[in-house]
N, C-alpha and C. Protein backbone atom coordinates (compact mmCIF):
# COMPACT_ATOMS: atom_id res chain seq x y z
N MET A 1 50.50 -59.08 15.30
CA MET A 1 50.78 -58.46 14.00
C MET A 1 50.56 -56.95 14.10
N ASN A 2 51.57 -56.15 13.73
CA ASN A 2 51.40 -54.71 13.80
C ASN A 2 50.65 -54.17 12.60
N LYS A 3 50.31 -52.88 12.68
CA LYS A 3 49.49 -52.27 11.62
C LYS A 3 50.19 -52.30 10.27
N LEU A 4 51.51 -52.10 10.25
CA LEU A 4 52.23 -52.06 8.99
C LEU A 4 52.21 -53.44 8.31
N SER A 5 52.42 -54.50 9.09
CA SER A 5 52.39 -55.85 8.52
C SER A 5 51.01 -56.19 7.98
N PHE A 6 49.99 -55.82 8.73
CA PHE A 6 48.62 -56.07 8.28
C PHE A 6 48.33 -55.35 6.97
N CYS A 7 48.82 -54.12 6.87
CA CYS A 7 48.59 -53.32 5.66
C CYS A 7 49.28 -53.96 4.45
N ILE A 8 50.50 -54.44 4.63
CA ILE A 8 51.23 -55.08 3.53
C ILE A 8 50.51 -56.35 3.08
N LEU A 9 50.05 -57.15 4.03
CA LEU A 9 49.31 -58.36 3.68
C LEU A 9 48.02 -58.04 2.93
N LEU A 10 47.34 -56.99 3.35
CA LEU A 10 46.11 -56.59 2.68
C LEU A 10 46.36 -56.17 1.24
N LEU A 11 47.42 -55.38 1.02
CA LEU A 11 47.76 -54.95 -0.33
C LEU A 11 48.12 -56.15 -1.22
N CYS A 12 48.86 -57.10 -0.66
CA CYS A 12 49.23 -58.28 -1.44
C CYS A 12 48.01 -59.11 -1.82
N SER A 13 47.08 -59.25 -0.89
CA SER A 13 45.89 -60.03 -1.18
C SER A 13 45.03 -59.37 -2.25
N VAL A 14 44.97 -58.04 -2.24
CA VAL A 14 44.23 -57.31 -3.27
C VAL A 14 44.87 -57.53 -4.63
N CYS A 15 46.20 -57.47 -4.68
CA CYS A 15 46.92 -57.66 -5.95
C CYS A 15 46.67 -59.05 -6.52
N ILE A 16 46.81 -60.07 -5.66
CA ILE A 16 46.68 -61.44 -6.12
C ILE A 16 45.27 -61.72 -6.64
N SER A 17 44.27 -61.24 -5.89
CA SER A 17 42.89 -61.52 -6.29
C SER A 17 42.46 -60.73 -7.51
N SER A 18 43.09 -59.58 -7.74
CA SER A 18 42.65 -58.71 -8.83
C SER A 18 43.36 -58.99 -10.15
N VAL A 19 44.60 -59.47 -10.09
CA VAL A 19 45.35 -59.73 -11.32
C VAL A 19 44.62 -60.75 -12.18
N ALA A 20 43.99 -61.71 -11.54
CA ALA A 20 43.29 -62.76 -12.28
C ALA A 20 42.11 -62.22 -13.07
N THR A 21 41.54 -61.08 -12.63
CA THR A 21 40.38 -60.51 -13.32
C THR A 21 40.75 -59.32 -14.20
N ALA A 22 42.04 -59.06 -14.36
CA ALA A 22 42.45 -57.93 -15.19
C ALA A 22 42.07 -58.18 -16.64
N GLY A 23 41.63 -57.15 -17.33
CA GLY A 23 41.23 -57.29 -18.72
C GLY A 23 41.42 -56.00 -19.46
N GLU A 24 40.46 -55.65 -20.31
CA GLU A 24 40.62 -54.48 -21.15
C GLU A 24 40.55 -53.19 -20.35
N ASN A 25 40.05 -53.25 -19.11
CA ASN A 25 40.00 -52.06 -18.27
C ASN A 25 41.31 -51.80 -17.54
N SER A 26 42.32 -52.65 -17.73
CA SER A 26 43.57 -52.52 -17.01
C SER A 26 44.56 -51.65 -17.79
N GLY A 27 45.59 -51.18 -17.07
CA GLY A 27 46.62 -50.39 -17.71
C GLY A 27 47.37 -49.51 -16.74
N VAL A 28 48.50 -48.97 -17.20
CA VAL A 28 49.33 -48.08 -16.40
C VAL A 28 48.82 -46.66 -16.54
N TYR A 29 48.86 -45.90 -15.43
CA TYR A 29 48.46 -44.50 -15.48
C TYR A 29 49.39 -43.66 -14.61
N ILE A 30 49.43 -42.37 -14.91
CA ILE A 30 50.17 -41.41 -14.10
C ILE A 30 49.19 -40.39 -13.55
N TYR A 31 49.51 -39.86 -12.38
CA TYR A 31 48.62 -38.92 -11.71
C TYR A 31 49.44 -37.84 -11.03
N GLY A 32 49.14 -36.59 -11.33
CA GLY A 32 49.80 -35.46 -10.69
C GLY A 32 48.77 -34.54 -10.08
N ALA A 33 49.09 -33.98 -8.90
CA ALA A 33 48.11 -33.15 -8.20
C ALA A 33 48.80 -32.07 -7.40
N VAL A 34 48.04 -31.02 -7.11
CA VAL A 34 48.48 -29.95 -6.21
C VAL A 34 47.39 -29.77 -5.16
N GLY A 35 47.78 -29.28 -3.99
CA GLY A 35 46.77 -29.10 -2.95
C GLY A 35 47.31 -28.38 -1.74
N GLN A 36 46.67 -28.64 -0.60
CA GLN A 36 47.02 -28.01 0.65
C GLN A 36 47.12 -29.07 1.74
N SER A 37 48.16 -28.97 2.56
CA SER A 37 48.29 -29.83 3.73
C SER A 37 48.09 -28.97 4.97
N GLN A 38 47.52 -29.57 6.01
CA GLN A 38 47.23 -28.84 7.23
C GLN A 38 48.15 -29.31 8.34
N HIS A 39 49.03 -28.41 8.79
CA HIS A 39 49.99 -28.73 9.83
C HIS A 39 49.54 -28.11 11.15
N SER A 40 49.63 -28.87 12.23
CA SER A 40 49.40 -28.32 13.57
C SER A 40 50.76 -27.87 14.09
N ASN A 41 51.14 -26.66 13.73
CA ASN A 41 52.48 -26.19 14.05
C ASN A 41 52.44 -24.76 14.58
N LEU A 42 53.59 -24.15 14.71
CA LEU A 42 53.67 -22.80 15.26
C LEU A 42 52.95 -21.78 14.41
N THR A 43 52.99 -21.95 13.11
CA THR A 43 52.34 -20.97 12.23
C THR A 43 50.86 -21.25 12.05
N ASN A 44 50.44 -22.51 12.26
CA ASN A 44 49.04 -22.93 12.15
C ASN A 44 48.44 -22.50 10.81
N GLU A 45 49.19 -22.73 9.73
CA GLU A 45 48.73 -22.34 8.40
C GLU A 45 48.72 -23.55 7.49
N ASN A 46 47.87 -23.48 6.45
CA ASN A 46 47.90 -24.49 5.41
C ASN A 46 49.14 -24.31 4.56
N GLN A 47 49.71 -25.42 4.10
CA GLN A 47 50.92 -25.38 3.29
C GLN A 47 50.66 -25.98 1.92
N ASP A 48 51.30 -25.43 0.90
CA ASP A 48 51.17 -25.97 -0.45
C ASP A 48 51.75 -27.39 -0.50
N SER A 49 51.04 -28.26 -1.22
CA SER A 49 51.47 -29.65 -1.34
C SER A 49 51.45 -30.05 -2.81
N TYR A 50 52.44 -30.86 -3.20
CA TYR A 50 52.56 -31.33 -4.58
C TYR A 50 52.78 -32.84 -4.55
N MET A 51 52.17 -33.56 -5.49
CA MET A 51 52.34 -35.00 -5.49
C MET A 51 52.30 -35.60 -6.90
N GLY A 52 53.01 -36.70 -7.06
CA GLY A 52 53.02 -37.42 -8.32
C GLY A 52 52.98 -38.91 -8.06
N PHE A 53 52.16 -39.64 -8.84
CA PHE A 53 51.97 -41.07 -8.61
C PHE A 53 52.03 -41.83 -9.93
N LEU A 54 52.47 -43.07 -9.84
CA LEU A 54 52.42 -44.02 -10.94
C LEU A 54 51.53 -45.16 -10.46
N GLY A 55 50.52 -45.50 -11.26
CA GLY A 55 49.58 -46.52 -10.84
C GLY A 55 49.36 -47.58 -11.89
N TYR A 56 48.78 -48.69 -11.47
CA TYR A 56 48.37 -49.74 -12.39
C TYR A 56 46.92 -50.08 -12.10
N LYS A 57 46.07 -49.91 -13.11
CA LYS A 57 44.65 -50.23 -12.99
C LYS A 57 44.47 -51.71 -13.28
N LEU A 58 44.14 -52.48 -12.24
CA LEU A 58 43.99 -53.92 -12.38
C LEU A 58 42.71 -54.29 -13.10
N ASN A 59 41.64 -53.58 -12.78
CA ASN A 59 40.34 -53.76 -13.42
C ASN A 59 39.50 -52.53 -13.11
N SER A 60 38.20 -52.59 -13.35
CA SER A 60 37.36 -51.42 -13.13
C SER A 60 37.18 -51.08 -11.66
N LYS A 61 37.56 -52.00 -10.77
CA LYS A 61 37.34 -51.78 -9.33
C LYS A 61 38.61 -51.49 -8.54
N TRP A 62 39.74 -52.08 -8.94
CA TRP A 62 40.95 -52.00 -8.14
C TRP A 62 42.14 -51.43 -8.92
N SER A 63 42.94 -50.64 -8.21
CA SER A 63 44.20 -50.13 -8.74
C SER A 63 45.24 -50.16 -7.62
N ILE A 64 46.50 -50.22 -8.03
CA ILE A 64 47.62 -50.09 -7.10
C ILE A 64 48.37 -48.82 -7.47
N GLU A 65 48.68 -48.00 -6.47
CA GLU A 65 49.24 -46.67 -6.73
C GLU A 65 50.43 -46.41 -5.81
N GLY A 66 51.53 -45.97 -6.38
CA GLY A 66 52.71 -45.62 -5.60
C GLY A 66 53.24 -44.27 -6.04
N GLY A 67 53.78 -43.52 -5.09
CA GLY A 67 54.29 -42.21 -5.49
C GLY A 67 54.87 -41.41 -4.34
N TYR A 68 55.03 -40.13 -4.60
CA TYR A 68 55.69 -39.20 -3.68
C TYR A 68 54.83 -37.97 -3.48
N ALA A 69 54.79 -37.48 -2.25
CA ALA A 69 54.03 -36.26 -1.95
C ALA A 69 54.90 -35.31 -1.13
N ASP A 70 55.02 -34.08 -1.61
CA ASP A 70 55.64 -33.01 -0.84
C ASP A 70 54.55 -32.43 0.05
N LEU A 71 54.66 -32.62 1.36
CA LEU A 71 53.61 -32.21 2.28
C LEU A 71 53.76 -30.78 2.79
N GLY A 72 54.74 -30.06 2.27
CA GLY A 72 54.85 -28.65 2.59
C GLY A 72 56.01 -28.30 3.51
N LYS A 73 56.28 -27.01 3.55
CA LYS A 73 57.34 -26.45 4.40
C LYS A 73 56.74 -25.40 5.31
N THR A 74 57.31 -25.28 6.51
CA THR A 74 56.87 -24.24 7.44
C THR A 74 58.09 -23.50 7.96
N SER A 75 57.88 -22.28 8.39
CA SER A 75 58.96 -21.50 8.98
C SER A 75 58.42 -20.62 10.09
N TYR A 76 59.26 -20.34 11.06
CA TYR A 76 58.88 -19.50 12.19
C TYR A 76 60.05 -18.59 12.53
N SER A 77 59.74 -17.35 12.81
CA SER A 77 60.75 -16.40 13.24
C SER A 77 60.12 -15.46 14.26
N GLY A 78 60.79 -15.28 15.39
CA GLY A 78 60.22 -14.42 16.42
C GLY A 78 61.20 -14.19 17.55
N THR A 79 60.72 -13.58 18.61
CA THR A 79 61.56 -13.29 19.78
C THR A 79 61.17 -14.22 20.92
N ILE A 80 62.16 -14.59 21.72
CA ILE A 80 61.93 -15.40 22.91
C ILE A 80 62.70 -14.80 24.08
N THR A 81 62.24 -15.12 25.28
CA THR A 81 62.90 -14.63 26.49
C THR A 81 63.28 -15.81 27.36
N VAL A 82 64.56 -15.92 27.70
CA VAL A 82 65.08 -16.99 28.55
C VAL A 82 65.86 -16.36 29.69
N GLY A 83 65.41 -16.60 30.93
CA GLY A 83 66.11 -16.05 32.09
C GLY A 83 66.20 -14.54 32.08
N GLY A 84 65.18 -13.89 31.58
CA GLY A 84 65.16 -12.43 31.54
C GLY A 84 65.90 -11.83 30.37
N VAL A 85 66.51 -12.68 29.53
CA VAL A 85 67.24 -12.21 28.36
C VAL A 85 66.40 -12.47 27.12
N THR A 86 66.19 -11.45 26.29
CA THR A 86 65.37 -11.58 25.09
C THR A 86 66.27 -11.71 23.86
N GLY A 87 65.91 -12.64 23.01
CA GLY A 87 66.66 -12.85 21.79
C GLY A 87 65.75 -13.30 20.67
N THR A 88 66.33 -13.77 19.59
CA THR A 88 65.55 -14.21 18.43
C THR A 88 65.63 -15.73 18.28
N ALA A 89 64.61 -16.28 17.63
CA ALA A 89 64.58 -17.70 17.33
C ALA A 89 64.02 -17.90 15.93
N ASN A 90 64.61 -18.82 15.19
CA ASN A 90 64.17 -19.13 13.83
C ASN A 90 64.10 -20.64 13.67
N ALA A 91 63.08 -21.11 12.97
CA ALA A 91 62.93 -22.55 12.74
C ALA A 91 62.25 -22.80 11.40
N SER A 92 62.61 -23.90 10.75
CA SER A 92 61.96 -24.29 9.51
C SER A 92 61.85 -25.81 9.48
N THR A 93 60.77 -26.31 8.89
CA THR A 93 60.55 -27.75 8.80
C THR A 93 60.08 -28.11 7.40
N LYS A 94 60.28 -29.38 7.04
CA LYS A 94 59.83 -29.89 5.75
C LYS A 94 59.32 -31.31 5.96
N LEU A 95 58.18 -31.62 5.33
CA LEU A 95 57.59 -32.95 5.41
C LEU A 95 57.34 -33.50 4.01
N SER A 96 57.63 -34.79 3.81
CA SER A 96 57.36 -35.45 2.53
C SER A 96 56.98 -36.90 2.81
N ALA A 97 56.35 -37.54 1.83
CA ALA A 97 55.90 -38.92 2.03
C ALA A 97 56.02 -39.72 0.74
N SER A 98 56.46 -40.98 0.88
CA SER A 98 56.41 -41.96 -0.20
C SER A 98 55.39 -43.01 0.21
N SER A 99 54.54 -43.41 -0.72
CA SER A 99 53.44 -44.30 -0.33
C SER A 99 53.15 -45.37 -1.38
N LEU A 100 52.51 -46.43 -0.92
CA LEU A 100 51.98 -47.49 -1.77
C LEU A 100 50.58 -47.81 -1.26
N THR A 101 49.57 -47.65 -2.13
CA THR A 101 48.19 -47.82 -1.69
C THR A 101 47.40 -48.68 -2.66
N ALA A 102 46.38 -49.33 -2.13
CA ALA A 102 45.35 -49.99 -2.92
C ALA A 102 44.20 -49.01 -3.07
N VAL A 103 43.70 -48.85 -4.28
CA VAL A 103 42.62 -47.90 -4.55
C VAL A 103 41.38 -48.67 -5.02
N ARG A 104 40.29 -48.52 -4.30
CA ARG A 104 39.02 -49.16 -4.65
C ARG A 104 38.11 -48.12 -5.31
N THR A 105 37.54 -48.45 -6.45
CA THR A 105 36.70 -47.53 -7.22
C THR A 105 35.27 -48.06 -7.31
N TRP A 106 34.33 -47.16 -7.04
CA TRP A 106 32.91 -47.45 -7.22
C TRP A 106 32.36 -46.51 -8.28
N ILE A 107 31.92 -47.05 -9.42
CA ILE A 107 31.37 -46.24 -10.49
C ILE A 107 29.94 -45.84 -10.13
N VAL A 108 29.65 -44.55 -10.31
CA VAL A 108 28.30 -44.03 -10.05
C VAL A 108 27.55 -43.98 -11.38
N PRO A 109 26.56 -44.86 -11.58
CA PRO A 109 25.84 -44.85 -12.87
C PRO A 109 24.94 -43.62 -12.99
N ASN A 110 24.70 -43.19 -14.23
CA ASN A 110 23.78 -42.08 -14.46
C ASN A 110 22.77 -42.46 -15.54
N ASP A 111 21.82 -41.59 -15.76
CA ASP A 111 20.74 -41.89 -16.70
C ASP A 111 21.22 -41.94 -18.15
N ILE A 112 22.33 -41.22 -18.42
CA ILE A 112 22.84 -41.16 -19.79
C ILE A 112 23.57 -42.45 -20.16
N GLY A 113 24.11 -43.13 -19.14
CA GLY A 113 24.83 -44.37 -19.40
C GLY A 113 26.31 -44.19 -19.62
N ASN A 114 26.84 -42.96 -19.35
CA ASN A 114 28.26 -42.72 -19.57
C ASN A 114 29.13 -43.29 -18.45
N ASN A 115 28.58 -43.34 -17.23
CA ASN A 115 29.33 -43.84 -16.06
C ASN A 115 30.68 -43.14 -15.93
N THR A 116 30.67 -41.82 -15.99
CA THR A 116 31.91 -41.06 -15.99
C THR A 116 32.33 -40.61 -14.60
N PHE A 117 31.49 -40.79 -13.59
CA PHE A 117 31.80 -40.32 -12.24
C PHE A 117 32.03 -41.51 -11.31
N SER A 118 33.09 -41.43 -10.47
CA SER A 118 33.44 -42.53 -9.58
C SER A 118 33.81 -42.01 -8.20
N ILE A 119 33.61 -42.85 -7.20
CA ILE A 119 34.04 -42.59 -5.83
C ILE A 119 35.23 -43.49 -5.53
N LEU A 120 36.25 -42.97 -4.84
CA LEU A 120 37.47 -43.71 -4.55
C LEU A 120 37.70 -43.84 -3.05
N ALA A 121 38.29 -44.95 -2.64
CA ALA A 121 38.77 -45.14 -1.27
C ALA A 121 40.18 -45.72 -1.36
N LYS A 122 41.10 -45.20 -0.54
CA LYS A 122 42.50 -45.61 -0.60
C LYS A 122 42.98 -46.08 0.77
N PHE A 123 43.83 -47.10 0.77
CA PHE A 123 44.40 -47.60 2.01
C PHE A 123 45.75 -48.21 1.71
N GLY A 124 46.77 -47.87 2.51
CA GLY A 124 48.09 -48.41 2.24
C GLY A 124 49.11 -48.02 3.28
N ILE A 125 50.37 -48.03 2.86
CA ILE A 125 51.49 -47.72 3.74
C ILE A 125 52.22 -46.49 3.20
N ALA A 126 52.79 -45.71 4.11
CA ALA A 126 53.53 -44.51 3.72
C ALA A 126 54.74 -44.33 4.62
N GLN A 127 55.79 -43.84 4.04
CA GLN A 127 56.98 -43.46 4.80
C GLN A 127 57.08 -41.95 4.77
N VAL A 128 56.88 -41.33 5.93
CA VAL A 128 56.89 -39.88 6.03
C VAL A 128 58.23 -39.42 6.60
N LYS A 129 58.85 -38.47 5.92
CA LYS A 129 60.13 -37.93 6.38
C LYS A 129 59.93 -36.51 6.88
N PHE A 130 60.39 -36.28 8.10
CA PHE A 130 60.35 -34.95 8.73
C PHE A 130 61.78 -34.46 8.88
N SER A 131 62.05 -33.26 8.44
CA SER A 131 63.38 -32.66 8.64
C SER A 131 63.19 -31.21 9.07
N GLY A 132 64.08 -30.76 9.93
CA GLY A 132 63.96 -29.39 10.42
C GLY A 132 65.28 -28.85 10.91
N ASP A 133 65.38 -27.55 10.97
CA ASP A 133 66.54 -26.88 11.54
C ASP A 133 66.11 -25.56 12.16
N GLY A 134 66.91 -25.09 13.09
CA GLY A 134 66.57 -23.84 13.76
C GLY A 134 67.78 -23.24 14.44
N SER A 135 67.59 -22.01 14.89
CA SER A 135 68.67 -21.31 15.58
C SER A 135 68.08 -20.34 16.59
N THR A 136 68.85 -20.02 17.61
CA THR A 136 68.43 -19.05 18.61
C THR A 136 69.65 -18.28 19.11
N THR A 137 69.40 -17.11 19.66
CA THR A 137 70.49 -16.28 20.18
C THR A 137 70.54 -16.27 21.70
N VAL A 138 69.59 -16.95 22.36
CA VAL A 138 69.59 -17.00 23.83
C VAL A 138 69.44 -18.44 24.29
N PRO A 139 70.04 -18.84 25.38
CA PRO A 139 70.94 -18.03 26.20
C PRO A 139 72.27 -17.74 25.53
N THR A 140 72.66 -18.56 24.55
CA THR A 140 73.81 -18.27 23.70
C THR A 140 73.40 -18.59 22.27
N SER A 141 74.19 -18.15 21.32
CA SER A 141 73.87 -18.41 19.91
C SER A 141 74.21 -19.86 19.57
N TYR A 142 73.22 -20.59 19.04
CA TYR A 142 73.47 -21.95 18.59
C TYR A 142 72.39 -22.35 17.60
N SER A 143 72.66 -23.41 16.84
CA SER A 143 71.72 -23.91 15.84
C SER A 143 71.58 -25.41 15.99
N ILE A 144 70.42 -25.94 15.54
CA ILE A 144 70.16 -27.37 15.61
C ILE A 144 69.52 -27.81 14.30
N SER A 145 69.67 -29.08 13.98
CA SER A 145 69.02 -29.65 12.80
C SER A 145 68.85 -31.14 13.02
N GLY A 146 67.89 -31.74 12.32
CA GLY A 146 67.66 -33.16 12.47
C GLY A 146 66.59 -33.65 11.52
N SER A 147 66.42 -34.96 11.47
CA SER A 147 65.40 -35.55 10.61
C SER A 147 64.86 -36.82 11.27
N HIS A 148 63.68 -37.22 10.85
CA HIS A 148 63.02 -38.40 11.41
C HIS A 148 62.17 -39.02 10.32
N THR A 149 62.16 -40.35 10.25
CA THR A 149 61.35 -41.08 9.27
C THR A 149 60.36 -41.99 10.00
N LYS A 150 59.12 -41.97 9.55
CA LYS A 150 58.06 -42.76 10.17
C LYS A 150 57.33 -43.56 9.10
N ARG A 151 57.22 -44.89 9.32
CA ARG A 151 56.41 -45.73 8.45
C ARG A 151 55.08 -45.99 9.15
N GLY A 152 54.00 -45.82 8.42
CA GLY A 152 52.70 -46.02 9.03
C GLY A 152 51.60 -46.15 7.99
N VAL A 153 50.38 -46.16 8.46
CA VAL A 153 49.21 -46.34 7.62
C VAL A 153 48.79 -45.01 7.00
N THR A 154 48.44 -45.05 5.74
CA THR A 154 47.84 -43.90 5.07
C THR A 154 46.50 -44.33 4.48
N PHE A 155 45.57 -43.40 4.43
CA PHE A 155 44.25 -43.70 3.87
C PHE A 155 43.65 -42.43 3.32
N GLY A 156 42.61 -42.59 2.50
CA GLY A 156 41.98 -41.40 1.92
C GLY A 156 40.71 -41.74 1.16
N LEU A 157 40.02 -40.68 0.79
CA LEU A 157 38.81 -40.76 -0.02
C LEU A 157 38.96 -39.81 -1.19
N GLY A 158 38.22 -40.08 -2.27
CA GLY A 158 38.31 -39.20 -3.43
C GLY A 158 37.14 -39.38 -4.37
N ALA A 159 37.16 -38.55 -5.40
CA ALA A 159 36.15 -38.61 -6.45
C ALA A 159 36.87 -38.41 -7.78
N LYS A 160 36.35 -39.05 -8.84
CA LYS A 160 37.01 -39.00 -10.15
C LYS A 160 35.96 -38.77 -11.24
N TYR A 161 36.32 -37.90 -12.18
CA TYR A 161 35.47 -37.66 -13.35
C TYR A 161 36.28 -37.98 -14.60
N ASP A 162 35.79 -38.91 -15.42
CA ASP A 162 36.47 -39.33 -16.65
C ASP A 162 36.02 -38.46 -17.83
N PHE A 163 36.97 -37.71 -18.39
CA PHE A 163 36.67 -36.93 -19.58
C PHE A 163 36.50 -37.83 -20.80
N ASP A 164 37.36 -38.85 -20.88
CA ASP A 164 37.31 -39.85 -21.95
C ASP A 164 37.97 -41.12 -21.43
N GLN A 165 38.41 -41.99 -22.31
CA GLN A 165 39.02 -43.25 -21.88
C GLN A 165 40.40 -43.06 -21.26
N ASN A 166 41.02 -41.91 -21.46
CA ASN A 166 42.38 -41.70 -20.99
C ASN A 166 42.49 -40.66 -19.87
N TRP A 167 41.83 -39.52 -20.02
CA TRP A 167 42.00 -38.42 -19.09
C TRP A 167 40.92 -38.39 -18.01
N SER A 168 41.35 -38.10 -16.76
CA SER A 168 40.41 -38.01 -15.65
C SER A 168 40.82 -36.87 -14.72
N LEU A 169 39.83 -36.25 -14.11
CA LEU A 169 40.03 -35.26 -13.05
C LEU A 169 39.76 -35.93 -11.72
N ARG A 170 40.67 -35.72 -10.75
CA ARG A 170 40.50 -36.33 -9.43
C ARG A 170 40.56 -35.31 -8.32
N LEU A 171 39.73 -35.51 -7.31
CA LEU A 171 39.78 -34.75 -6.06
C LEU A 171 40.03 -35.75 -4.95
N ASP A 172 41.05 -35.50 -4.11
CA ASP A 172 41.43 -36.46 -3.08
C ASP A 172 41.58 -35.80 -1.72
N ALA A 173 41.29 -36.56 -0.68
CA ALA A 173 41.56 -36.17 0.71
C ALA A 173 42.32 -37.33 1.35
N ASP A 174 43.57 -37.09 1.74
CA ASP A 174 44.44 -38.13 2.27
C ASP A 174 44.91 -37.79 3.68
N SER A 175 45.34 -38.82 4.40
CA SER A 175 45.85 -38.64 5.76
C SER A 175 47.15 -39.41 5.92
N TYR A 176 48.19 -38.72 6.40
CA TYR A 176 49.51 -39.31 6.62
C TYR A 176 49.90 -39.17 8.09
N ASP A 177 50.61 -40.18 8.60
CA ASP A 177 51.09 -40.16 9.98
C ASP A 177 52.50 -39.59 9.99
N SER A 178 52.67 -38.41 10.60
CA SER A 178 53.97 -37.74 10.59
C SER A 178 54.96 -38.39 11.55
N GLY A 179 54.46 -39.11 12.57
CA GLY A 179 55.35 -39.68 13.57
C GLY A 179 55.83 -38.66 14.59
N GLN A 180 55.31 -37.45 14.52
CA GLN A 180 55.69 -36.38 15.43
C GLN A 180 54.47 -35.94 16.25
N ASP A 181 54.62 -35.92 17.59
CA ASP A 181 53.52 -35.45 18.43
C ASP A 181 53.13 -34.02 18.07
N PHE A 182 54.10 -33.24 17.64
CA PHE A 182 53.87 -31.84 17.29
C PHE A 182 52.94 -31.70 16.09
N TYR A 183 52.99 -32.68 15.17
CA TYR A 183 52.20 -32.62 13.94
C TYR A 183 51.03 -33.62 13.94
N GLY A 184 51.24 -34.81 14.51
CA GLY A 184 50.19 -35.83 14.48
C GLY A 184 49.94 -36.31 13.05
N ARG A 185 48.69 -36.62 12.75
CA ARG A 185 48.32 -37.00 11.38
C ARG A 185 48.12 -35.73 10.56
N ILE A 186 48.56 -35.79 9.31
CA ILE A 186 48.50 -34.61 8.43
C ILE A 186 47.48 -34.86 7.33
N PRO A 187 46.38 -34.10 7.32
CA PRO A 187 45.43 -34.22 6.21
C PRO A 187 45.89 -33.41 5.01
N VAL A 188 45.67 -33.95 3.81
CA VAL A 188 46.05 -33.28 2.57
C VAL A 188 44.85 -33.31 1.62
N TYR A 189 44.50 -32.15 1.08
CA TYR A 189 43.39 -32.02 0.14
C TYR A 189 43.96 -31.58 -1.19
N SER A 190 43.65 -32.31 -2.27
CA SER A 190 44.30 -32.05 -3.55
C SER A 190 43.37 -32.24 -4.72
N ALA A 191 43.78 -31.69 -5.85
CA ALA A 191 43.08 -31.86 -7.12
C ALA A 191 44.14 -32.09 -8.19
N GLY A 192 43.84 -33.00 -9.13
CA GLY A 192 44.83 -33.29 -10.16
C GLY A 192 44.25 -34.03 -11.34
N LEU A 193 45.15 -34.34 -12.28
CA LEU A 193 44.76 -35.03 -13.52
C LEU A 193 45.50 -36.36 -13.60
N SER A 194 44.82 -37.39 -14.11
CA SER A 194 45.45 -38.67 -14.37
C SER A 194 45.29 -39.03 -15.84
N TYR A 195 46.28 -39.77 -16.33
CA TYR A 195 46.26 -40.21 -17.73
C TYR A 195 46.50 -41.71 -17.79
N LEU A 196 45.57 -42.45 -18.37
CA LEU A 196 45.67 -43.90 -18.52
C LEU A 196 46.25 -44.22 -19.90
N PHE A 197 47.38 -44.93 -19.91
CA PHE A 197 48.04 -45.27 -21.16
C PHE A 197 47.34 -46.43 -21.87
């Protein structure tokens, strides 16, 4: 059994076991966040990341979350030398991910009794799309472009603060498999707001 099949079976088992215990703590929620992704690339810079998710809270412990994340864009421009001839080279890449995860929540009790702070752990599957194009003037002028899609395991940790019964602030750290040796796994750090309907 490969990792992707195991992950799908795990998500299904969580859904089946949790639906039976769903009650007044359940409901649909939306979550939007902004953050930074870290690419191991030519520029070696953090990239802006944006994400949006639709989730279903099964109970106080489990949720299922699906959505889309823009993992950022990179660009490179410089000079290269091939066979003693110097020219220019330009390249740009874009990464994005669609995911489905199971989210486990642990409520941190406090002395006041509000129980407004929680710790999160996420595990699921993601489809990461890589696309890029580039051009060079040596040894002759030409351009290239292409794309690649990778399905793999995604996971993460987070923290949540509930302002009230509907609004929450979340901080998340996620990891996606790019499927590219050049990038490897891509960590993403984000902050956002969720609203429970």
